[in-house]
Every structure is written in structure tokens, then in C-alpha cells.
Amino acid sequence: MSELCRFGAVSIYMYQNDHGPVHFHVRYQGRQVSVELATLQITQGDLPAPIRRQVLRWARHRESELERAWQQVSAYERPDTIAPLD
């Protein structure tokens, strides 16, 4: 597991050799959520609405960086850190 970004109590990460489609994982106060990158749909788990909006807004602004991170973890490389939104 590689942490890509942290903002507040939210942690965004990806696993090496994970299954498709391209997605990322979110941890928030004991919750674990999966988000498909192409659709920004939560495919597993749930988040409180304000946190969900914050995560999805971040992902929309960081889509290309998330795609790159997926390529890196798929090649067993350590992904680049992705900045939170200002």
C-alpha cells in the first residue's frame, strides 16, 4: 500500500498489483472506500457527504496524477506523492 495524499483525517492510497479498473482507496475515521477513477463512483464503502464531496473534488483536480500513480504501482514502483488542494 502506498499513501498518495493526506488531507485532514483523509488518506488516499493505492495498492501494488491491484485489480482493475483504475481506482484509489480512501481511509477516513475507520472507513475504507474504493473510488473508480474513470467515473468517480464509490464502488465500495461509504463516506459522510461533506467528506465524499471533498475527496471527489480532489480527485477531479488530480485525475492525471492519479492515472500516473496507477501506472507506477502497476509497475511495482513507488508512486509520486500527490498534493492536496489548497
PDB file of N, CA and C in Angstrom:
ATOM      1  N   MET A   1       0.853  -1.176   0.000  1.00  0.00           N
ATOM      2  CA  MET A   1       0.000   0.000   0.000  1.00  0.00           C
ATOM      3  C   MET A   1       0.894   1.234   0.000  1.00  0.00           C
ATOM      4  N   SER A   2       0.563   2.176  -0.835  1.00  0.00           N
ATOM      5  CA  SER A   2       1.305   3.432  -0.910  1.00  0.00           C
ATOM      6  C   SER A   2       0.347   4.591  -0.696  1.00  0.00           C
ATOM      7  N   GLU A   3       0.641   5.398   0.315  1.00  0.00           N
ATOM      8  CA  GLU A   3      -0.174   6.590   0.538  1.00  0.00           C
ATOM      9  C   GLU A   3       0.209   7.640  -0.497  1.00  0.00           C
ATOM     10  N   LEU A   4      -0.800   8.172  -1.163  1.00  0.00           N
ATOM     11  CA  LEU A   4      -0.586   9.188  -2.191  1.00  0.00           C
ATOM     12  C   LEU A   4      -0.763  10.596  -1.654  1.00  0.00           C
ATOM     13  N   CYS A   5      -1.725  10.763  -0.750  1.00  0.00           N
ATOM     14  CA  CYS A   5      -2.066  12.096  -0.260  1.00  0.00           C
ATOM     15  C   CYS A   5      -2.772  11.970   1.079  1.00  0.00           C
ATOM     16  N   ARG A   6      -2.631  13.004   1.886  1.00  0.00           N
ATOM     17  CA  ARG A   6      -3.356  13.081   3.147  1.00  0.00           C
ATOM     18  C   ARG A   6      -3.832  14.515   3.317  1.00  0.00           C
ATOM     19  N   PHE A   7      -5.112  14.662   3.634  1.00  0.00           N
ATOM     20  CA  PHE A   7      -5.636  15.985   3.982  1.00  0.00           C
ATOM     21  C   PHE A   7      -6.633  15.798   5.106  1.00  0.00           C
ATOM     22  N   GLY A   8      -6.364  16.494   6.211  1.00  0.00           N
ATOM     23  CA  GLY A   8      -7.184  16.295   7.404  1.00  0.00           C
ATOM     24  C   GLY A   8      -7.097  14.848   7.844  1.00  0.00           C
ATOM     25  N   ALA A   9      -8.244  14.235   8.087  1.00  0.00           N
ATOM     26  CA  ALA A   9      -8.305  12.832   8.510  1.00  0.00           C
ATOM     27  C   ALA A   9      -8.435  11.876   7.328  1.00  0.00           C
ATOM     28  N   VAL A  10      -8.328  12.392   6.110  1.00  0.00           N
ATOM     29  CA  VAL A  10      -8.492  11.591   4.892  1.00  0.00           C
ATOM     30  C   VAL A  10      -7.121  11.142   4.383  1.00  0.00           C
ATOM     31  N   SER A  11      -7.012   9.855   4.086  1.00  0.00           N
ATOM     32  CA  SER A  11      -5.804   9.298   3.489  1.00  0.00           C
ATOM     33  C   SER A  11      -6.182   8.634   2.171  1.00  0.00           C
ATOM     34  N   ILE A  12      -5.449   8.965   1.109  1.00  0.00           N
ATOM     35  CA  ILE A  12      -5.684   8.407  -0.224  1.00  0.00           C
ATOM     36  C   ILE A  12      -4.515   7.480  -0.540  1.00  0.00           C
ATOM     37  N   TYR A  13      -4.817   6.282  -1.017  1.00  0.00           N
ATOM     38  CA  TYR A  13      -3.737   5.347  -1.309  1.00  0.00           C
ATOM     39  C   TYR A  13      -4.108   4.394  -2.436  1.00  0.00           C
ATOM     40  N   MET A  14      -3.083   3.667  -2.924  1.00  0.00           N
ATOM     41  CA  MET A  14      -3.249   2.619  -3.936  1.00  0.00           C
ATOM     42  C   MET A  14      -2.418   1.420  -3.511  1.00  0.00           C
ATOM     43  N   TYR A  15      -2.860   0.251  -3.946  1.00  0.00           N
ATOM     44  CA  TYR A  15      -2.122  -0.990  -3.720  1.00  0.00           C
ATOM     45  C   TYR A  15      -1.364  -1.371  -4.978  1.00  0.00           C
ATOM     46  N   GLN A  16      -0.173  -1.946  -4.798  1.00  0.00           N
ATOM     47  CA  GLN A  16       0.545  -2.507  -5.937  1.00  0.00           C
ATOM     48  C   GLN A  16      -0.170  -3.765  -6.394  1.00  0.00           C
ATOM     49  N   ASN A  17      -0.130  -4.012  -7.692  1.00  0.00           N
ATOM     50  CA  ASN A  17      -0.715  -5.213  -8.289  1.00  0.00           C
ATOM     51  C   ASN A  17      -2.199  -5.353  -7.953  1.00  0.00           C
ATOM     52  N   ASP A  18      -2.913  -4.248  -7.875  1.00  0.00           N
ATOM     53  CA  ASP A  18      -4.349  -4.272  -7.579  1.00  0.00           C
ATOM     54  C   ASP A  18      -5.122  -4.560  -8.869  1.00  0.00           C
ATOM     55  N   HIS A  19      -6.332  -5.024  -8.732  1.00  0.00           N
ATOM     56  CA  HIS A  19      -7.202  -5.342  -9.866  1.00  0.00           C
ATOM     57  C   HIS A  19      -7.702  -4.060 -10.532  1.00  0.00           C
ATOM     58  N   GLY A  20      -8.102  -4.160 -11.796  1.00  0.00           N
ATOM     59  CA  GLY A  20      -8.744  -3.040 -12.481  1.00  0.00           C
ATOM     60  C   GLY A  20     -10.208  -3.018 -12.137  1.00  0.00           C
ATOM     61  N   PRO A  21     -10.927  -2.021 -12.541  1.00  0.00           N
ATOM     62  CA  PRO A  21     -10.490  -0.831 -13.258  1.00  0.00           C
ATOM     63  C   PRO A  21      -9.655   0.092 -12.364  1.00  0.00           C
ATOM     64  N   VAL A  22      -9.073   1.115 -12.983  1.00  0.00           N
ATOM     65  CA  VAL A  22      -8.243   2.066 -12.241  1.00  0.00           C
ATOM     66  C   VAL A  22      -9.072   2.670 -11.113  1.00  0.00           C
ATOM     67  N   HIS A  23      -8.541   2.599  -9.908  1.00  0.00           N
ATOM     68  CA  HIS A  23      -9.259   3.115  -8.743  1.00  0.00           C
ATOM     69  C   HIS A  23      -8.262   3.495  -7.657  1.00  0.00           C
ATOM     70  N   PHE A  24      -8.768   4.191  -6.662  1.00  0.00           N
ATOM     71  CA  PHE A  24      -7.961   4.502  -5.489  1.00  0.00           C
ATOM     72  C   PHE A  24      -8.796   4.211  -4.256  1.00  0.00           C
ATOM     73  N   HIS A  25      -8.105   4.149  -3.135  1.00  0.00           N
ATOM     74  CA  HIS A  25      -8.751   3.837  -1.869  1.00  0.00           C
ATOM     75  C   HIS A  25      -8.685   5.055  -0.958  1.00  0.00           C
ATOM     76  N   VAL A  26      -9.685   5.173  -0.115  1.00  0.00           N
ATOM     77  CA  VAL A  26      -9.778   6.273   0.842  1.00  0.00           C
ATOM     78  C   VAL A  26      -9.964   5.671   2.224  1.00  0.00           C
ATOM     79  N   ARG A  27      -9.230   6.193   3.180  1.00  0.00           N
ATOM     80  CA  ARG A  27      -9.458   5.854   4.583  1.00  0.00           C
ATOM     81  C   ARG A  27      -9.873   7.133   5.298  1.00  0.00           C
ATOM     82  N   TYR A  28     -10.914   6.995   6.085  1.00  0.00           N
ATOM     83  CA  TYR A  28     -11.406   8.138   6.845  1.00  0.00           C
ATOM     84  C   TYR A  28     -12.085   7.621   8.103  1.00  0.00           C
ATOM     85  N   GLN A  29     -11.529   7.935   9.249  1.00  0.00           N
ATOM     86  CA  GLN A  29     -12.097   7.586  10.552  1.00  0.00           C
ATOM     87  C   GLN A  29     -12.599   6.141  10.604  1.00  0.00           C
ATOM     88  N   GLY A  30     -11.735   5.214  10.232  1.00  0.00           N
ATOM     89  CA  GLY A  30     -12.068   3.797  10.290  1.00  0.00           C
ATOM     90  C   GLY A  30     -12.837   3.270   9.090  1.00  0.00           C
ATOM     91  N   ARG A  31     -13.254   4.133   8.211  1.00  0.00           N
ATOM     92  CA  ARG A  31     -13.965   3.707   6.992  1.00  0.00           C
ATOM     93  C   ARG A  31     -12.955   3.480   5.881  1.00  0.00           C
ATOM     94  N   GLN A  32     -13.246   2.496   5.036  1.00  0.00           N
ATOM     95  CA  GLN A  32     -12.419   2.231   3.863  1.00  0.00           C
ATOM     96  C   GLN A  32     -13.317   2.227   2.638  1.00  0.00           C
ATOM     97  N   VAL A  33     -12.932   3.008   1.651  1.00  0.00           N
ATOM     98  CA  VAL A  33     -13.761   3.234   0.472  1.00  0.00           C
ATOM     99  C   VAL A  33     -12.900   3.054  -0.779  1.00  0.00           C
ATOM    100  N   SER A  34     -13.491   2.528  -1.846  1.00  0.00           N
ATOM    101  CA  SER A  34     -12.838   2.449  -3.156  1.00  0.00           C
ATOM    102  C   SER A  34     -13.572   3.374  -4.116  1.00  0.00           C
ATOM    103  N   VAL A  35     -12.802   4.097  -4.931  1.00  0.00           N
ATOM    104  CA  VAL A  35     -13.373   5.037  -5.894  1.00  0.00           C
ATOM    105  C   VAL A  35     -12.794   4.734  -7.275  1.00  0.00           C
ATOM    106  N   GLU A  36     -13.664   4.466  -8.240  1.00  0.00           N
ATOM    107  CA  GLU A  36     -13.228   4.236  -9.618  1.00  0.00           C
ATOM    108  C   GLU A  36     -12.864   5.581 -10.237  1.00  0.00           C
ATOM    109  N   LEU A  37     -11.689   5.654 -10.831  1.00  0.00           N
ATOM    110  CA  LEU A  37     -11.202   6.933 -11.335  1.00  0.00           C
ATOM    111  C   LEU A  37     -11.974   7.430 -12.557  1.00  0.00           C
ATOM    112  N   ALA A  38     -12.314   6.562 -13.478  1.00  0.00           N
ATOM    113  CA  ALA A  38     -12.978   6.992 -14.720  1.00  0.00           C
ATOM    114  C   ALA A  38     -14.336   7.632 -14.467  1.00  0.00           C
ATOM    115  N   THR A  39     -15.058   7.128 -13.479  1.00  0.00           N
ATOM    116  CA  THR A  39     -16.416   7.608 -13.217  1.00  0.00           C
ATOM    117  C   THR A  39     -16.543   8.408 -11.929  1.00  0.00           C
ATOM    118  N   LEU A  40     -15.523   8.337 -11.091  1.00  0.00           N
ATOM    119  CA  LEU A  40     -15.547   8.913  -9.743  1.00  0.00           C
ATOM    120  C   LEU A  40     -16.737   8.387  -8.931  1.00  0.00           C
ATOM    121  N   GLN A  41     -17.067   7.145  -9.172  1.00  0.00           N
ATOM    122  CA  GLN A  41     -18.117   6.474  -8.406  1.00  0.00           C
ATOM    123  C   GLN A  41     -17.480   5.699  -7.261  1.00  0.00           C
ATOM    124  N   ILE A  42     -18.095   5.787  -6.091  1.00  0.00           N
ATOM    125  CA  ILE A  42     -17.662   4.956  -4.973  1.00  0.00           C
ATOM    126  C   ILE A  42     -18.179   3.555  -5.245  1.00  0.00           C
ATOM    127  N   THR A  43     -17.260   2.604  -5.337  1.00  0.00           N
ATOM    128  CA  THR A  43     -17.634   1.234  -5.671  1.00  0.00           C
ATOM    129  C   THR A  43     -17.670   0.325  -4.457  1.00  0.00           C
ATOM    130  N   GLN A  44     -17.122   0.806  -3.358  1.00  0.00           N
ATOM    131  CA  GLN A  44     -17.150   0.022  -2.127  1.00  0.00           C
ATOM    132  C   GLN A  44     -17.075   0.984  -0.951  1.00  0.00           C
ATOM    133  N   GLY A  45     -17.935   0.780   0.030  1.00  0.00           N
ATOM    134  CA  GLY A  45     -17.919   1.604   1.226  1.00  0.00           C
ATOM    135  C   GLY A  45     -18.738   2.869   1.066  1.00  0.00           C
ATOM    136  N   ASP A  46     -18.640   3.733   2.071  1.00  0.00           N
ATOM    137  CA  ASP A  46     -19.400   4.979   2.083  1.00  0.00           C
ATOM    138  C   ASP A  46     -18.661   6.003   2.930  1.00  0.00           C
ATOM    139  N   LEU A  47     -18.845   7.255   2.596  1.00  0.00           N
ATOM    140  CA  LEU A  47     -18.270   8.375   3.337  1.00  0.00           C
ATOM    141  C   LEU A  47     -19.369   9.363   3.671  1.00  0.00           C
ATOM    142  N   PRO A  48     -19.207  10.125   4.757  1.00  0.00           N
ATOM    143  CA  PRO A  48     -20.149  11.214   5.013  1.00  0.00           C
ATOM    144  C   PRO A  48     -20.141  12.181   3.824  1.00  0.00           C
ATOM    145  N   ALA A  49     -21.276  12.752   3.514  1.00  0.00           N
ATOM    146  CA  ALA A  49     -21.430  13.598   2.326  1.00  0.00           C
ATOM    147  C   ALA A  49     -20.370  14.698   2.204  1.00  0.00           C
ATOM    148  N   PRO A  50     -20.052  15.455   3.264  1.00  0.00           N
ATOM    149  CA  PRO A  50     -19.046  16.519   3.094  1.00  0.00           C
ATOM    150  C   PRO A  50     -17.662  15.964   2.740  1.00  0.00           C
ATOM    151  N   ILE A  51     -17.307  14.833   3.314  1.00  0.00           N
ATOM    152  CA  ILE A  51     -16.013  14.214   3.025  1.00  0.00           C
ATOM    153  C   ILE A  51     -16.019  13.637   1.617  1.00  0.00           C
ATOM    154  N   ARG A  52     -17.119  13.016   1.218  1.00  0.00           N
ATOM    155  CA  ARG A  52     -17.242  12.476  -0.139  1.00  0.00           C
ATOM    156  C   ARG A  52     -17.053  13.598  -1.164  1.00  0.00           C
ATOM    157  N   ARG A  53     -17.699  14.728  -0.959  1.00  0.00           N
ATOM    158  CA  ARG A  53     -17.557  15.861  -1.887  1.00  0.00           C
ATOM    159  C   ARG A  53     -16.104  16.344  -1.945  1.00  0.00           C
ATOM    160  N   GLN A  54     -15.467  16.415  -0.789  1.00  0.00           N
ATOM    161  CA  GLN A  54     -14.075  16.867  -0.725  1.00  0.00           C
ATOM    162  C   GLN A  54     -13.150  15.899  -1.483  1.00  0.00           C
ATOM    163  N   VAL A  55     -13.329  14.603  -1.269  1.00  0.00           N
ATOM    164  CA  VAL A  55     -12.500  13.596  -1.942  1.00  0.00           C
ATOM    165  C   VAL A  55     -12.721  13.638  -3.450  1.00  0.00           C
ATOM    166  N   LEU A  56     -13.967  13.700  -3.878  1.00  0.00           N
ATOM    167  CA  LEU A  56     -14.255  13.699  -5.314  1.00  0.00           C
ATOM    168  C   LEU A  56     -13.772  14.983  -5.989  1.00  0.00           C
ATOM    169  N   ARG A  57     -13.864  16.102  -5.305  1.00  0.00           N
ATOM    170  CA  ARG A  57     -13.332  17.365  -5.838  1.00  0.00           C
ATOM    171  C   ARG A  57     -11.815  17.248  -6.014  1.00  0.00           C
ATOM    172  N   TRP A  58     -11.149  16.705  -4.990  1.00  0.00           N
ATOM    173  CA  TRP A  58      -9.707  16.490  -5.068  1.00  0.00           C
ATOM    174  C   TRP A  58      -9.370  15.592  -6.264  1.00  0.00           C
ATOM    175  N   ALA A  59     -10.094  14.487  -6.413  1.00  0.00           N
ATOM    176  CA  ALA A  59      -9.816  13.529  -7.490  1.00  0.00           C
ATOM    177  C   ALA A  59     -10.027  14.151  -8.873  1.00  0.00           C
ATOM    178  N   ARG A  60     -11.059  14.979  -9.026  1.00  0.00           N
ATOM    179  CA  ARG A  60     -11.287  15.648 -10.319  1.00  0.00           C
ATOM    180  C   ARG A  60     -10.091  16.529 -10.694  1.00  0.00           C
ATOM    181  N   HIS A  61      -9.526  17.213  -9.702  1.00  0.00           N
ATOM    182  CA  HIS A  61      -8.394  18.105  -9.953  1.00  0.00           C
ATOM    183  C   HIS A  61      -7.066  17.359 -10.080  1.00  0.00           C
ATOM    184  N   ARG A  62      -7.033  16.117  -9.665  1.00  0.00           N
ATOM    185  CA  ARG A  62      -5.777  15.345  -9.655  1.00  0.00           C
ATOM    186  C   ARG A  62      -5.855  14.097 -10.541  1.00  0.00           C
ATOM    187  N   GLU A  63      -6.769  14.090 -11.497  1.00  0.00           N
ATOM    188  CA  GLU A  63      -7.010  12.890 -12.304  1.00  0.00           C
ATOM    189  C   GLU A  63      -5.751  12.389 -13.012  1.00  0.00           C
ATOM    190  N   SER A  64      -5.016  13.271 -13.664  1.00  0.00           N
ATOM    191  CA  SER A  64      -3.827  12.820 -14.397  1.00  0.00           C
ATOM    192  C   SER A  64      -2.762  12.284 -13.443  1.00  0.00           C
ATOM    193  N   GLU A  65      -2.641  12.885 -12.281  1.00  0.00           N
ATOM    194  CA  GLU A  65      -1.675  12.402 -11.291  1.00  0.00           C
ATOM    195  C   GLU A  65      -2.090  11.038 -10.738  1.00  0.00           C
ATOM    196  N   LEU A  66      -3.388  10.824 -10.573  1.00  0.00           N
ATOM    197  CA  LEU A  66      -3.877   9.522 -10.124  1.00  0.00           C
ATOM    198  C   LEU A  66      -3.647   8.453 -11.190  1.00  0.00           C
ATOM    199  N   GLU A  67      -3.846   8.803 -12.460  1.00  0.00           N
ATOM    200  CA  GLU A  67      -3.560   7.866 -13.561  1.00  0.00           C
ATOM    201  C   GLU A  67      -2.085   7.472 -13.539  1.00  0.00           C
ATOM    202  N   ARG A  68      -1.229   8.460 -13.365  1.00  0.00           N
ATOM    203  CA  ARG A  68       0.219   8.201 -13.303  1.00  0.00           C
ATOM    204  C   ARG A  68       0.549   7.311 -12.109  1.00  0.00           C
ATOM    205  N   ALA A  69      -0.038   7.574 -10.973  1.00  0.00           N
ATOM    206  CA  ALA A  69       0.208   6.753  -9.784  1.00  0.00           C
ATOM    207  C   ALA A  69      -0.204   5.304 -10.037  1.00  0.00           C
ATOM    208  N   TRP A  70      -1.337   5.100 -10.736  1.00  0.00           N
ATOM    209  CA  TRP A  70      -1.780   3.740 -11.063  1.00  0.00           C
ATOM    210  C   TRP A  70      -0.729   3.037 -11.929  1.00  0.00           C
ATOM    211  N   GLN A  71      -0.198   3.753 -12.916  1.00  0.00           N
ATOM    212  CA  GLN A  71       0.847   3.173 -13.767  1.00  0.00           C
ATOM    213  C   GLN A  71       2.073   2.806 -12.938  1.00  0.00           C
ATOM    214  N   GLN A  72       2.431   3.662 -12.007  1.00  0.00           N
ATOM    215  CA  GLN A  72       3.601   3.405 -11.172  1.00  0.00           C
ATOM    216  C   GLN A  72       3.394   2.187 -10.274  1.00  0.00           C
ATOM    217  N   VAL A  73       2.269   2.123  -9.573  1.00  0.00           N
ATOM    218  CA  VAL A  73       2.062   0.972  -8.676  1.00  0.00           C
ATOM    219  C   VAL A  73       1.882  -0.315  -9.470  1.00  0.00           C
ATOM    220  N   SER A  74       1.325  -0.230 -10.672  1.00  0.00           N
ATOM    221  CA  SER A  74       1.178  -1.415 -11.520  1.00  0.00           C
ATOM    222  C   SER A  74       2.536  -1.951 -11.964  1.00  0.00           C
ATOM    223  N   ALA A  75       3.533  -1.068 -12.039  1.00  0.00           N
ATOM    224  CA  ALA A  75       4.896  -1.454 -12.403  1.00  0.00           C
ATOM    225  C   ALA A  75       5.750  -1.702 -11.155  1.00  0.00           C
ATOM    226  N   TYR A  76       5.104  -1.819 -10.003  1.00  0.00           N
ATOM    227  CA  TYR A  76       5.783  -2.047  -8.718  1.00  0.00           C
ATOM    228  C   TYR A  76       6.764  -0.933  -8.377  1.00  0.00           C
ATOM    229  N   GLU A  77       6.449   0.272  -8.805  1.00  0.00           N
ATOM    230  CA  GLU A  77       7.240   1.447  -8.458  1.00  0.00           C
ATOM    231  C   GLU A  77       6.517   2.204  -7.354  1.00  0.00           C
ATOM    232  N   ARG A  78       7.282   2.954  -6.597  1.00  0.00           N
ATOM    233  CA  ARG A  78       6.671   3.805  -5.582  1.00  0.00           C
ATOM    234  C   ARG A  78       6.051   5.007  -6.293  1.00  0.00           C
ATOM    235  N   PRO A  79       4.759   5.262  -6.079  1.00  0.00           N
ATOM    236  CA  PRO A  79       4.115   6.386  -6.777  1.00  0.00           C
ATOM    237  C   PRO A  79       4.544   7.729  -6.202  1.00  0.00           C
ATOM    238  N   ASP A  80       4.458   8.728  -7.046  1.00  0.00           N
ATOM    239  CA  ASP A  80       4.727  10.091  -6.600  1.00  0.00           C
ATOM    240  C   ASP A  80       3.649  10.522  -5.613  1.00  0.00           C
ATOM    241  N   THR A  81       4.040  11.362  -4.677  1.00  0.00           N
ATOM    242  CA  THR A  81       3.075  11.956  -3.758  1.00  0.00           C
ATOM    243  C   THR A  81       2.227  12.961  -4.535  1.00  0.00           C
ATOM    244  N   ILE A  82       0.947  13.032  -4.202  1.00  0.00           N
ATOM    245  CA  ILE A  82       0.027  13.962  -4.859  1.00  0.00           C
ATOM    246  C   ILE A  82      -0.406  15.006  -3.827  1.00  0.00           C
ATOM    247  N   ALA A  83      -0.340  16.250  -4.199  1.00  0.00           N
ATOM    248  CA  ALA A  83      -0.653  17.337  -3.270  1.00  0.00           C
ATOM    249  C   ALA A  83      -2.153  17.429  -2.991  1.00  0.00           C
ATOM    250  N   PRO A  84      -2.498  17.831  -1.775  1.00  0.00           N
ATOM    251  CA  PRO A  84      -3.908  18.143  -1.502  1.00  0.00           C
ATOM    252  C   PRO A  84      -4.278  19.439  -2.216  1.00  0.00           C
ATOM    253  N   LEU A  85      -5.559  19.750  -2.239  1.00  0.00           N
ATOM    254  CA  LEU A  85      -5.994  21.030  -2.800  1.00  0.00           C
ATOM    255  C   LEU A  85      -5.672  22.135  -1.811  1.00  0.00           C
ATOM    256  N   ASP A  86      -5.460  23.330  -2.324  1.00  0.00           N
ATOM    257  CA  ASP A  86      -5.173  24.481  -1.450  1.00  0.00           C
ATOM    258  C   ASP A  86      -6.403  24.917  -0.714  1.00  0.00           C
TER     259      ASP A  86
END
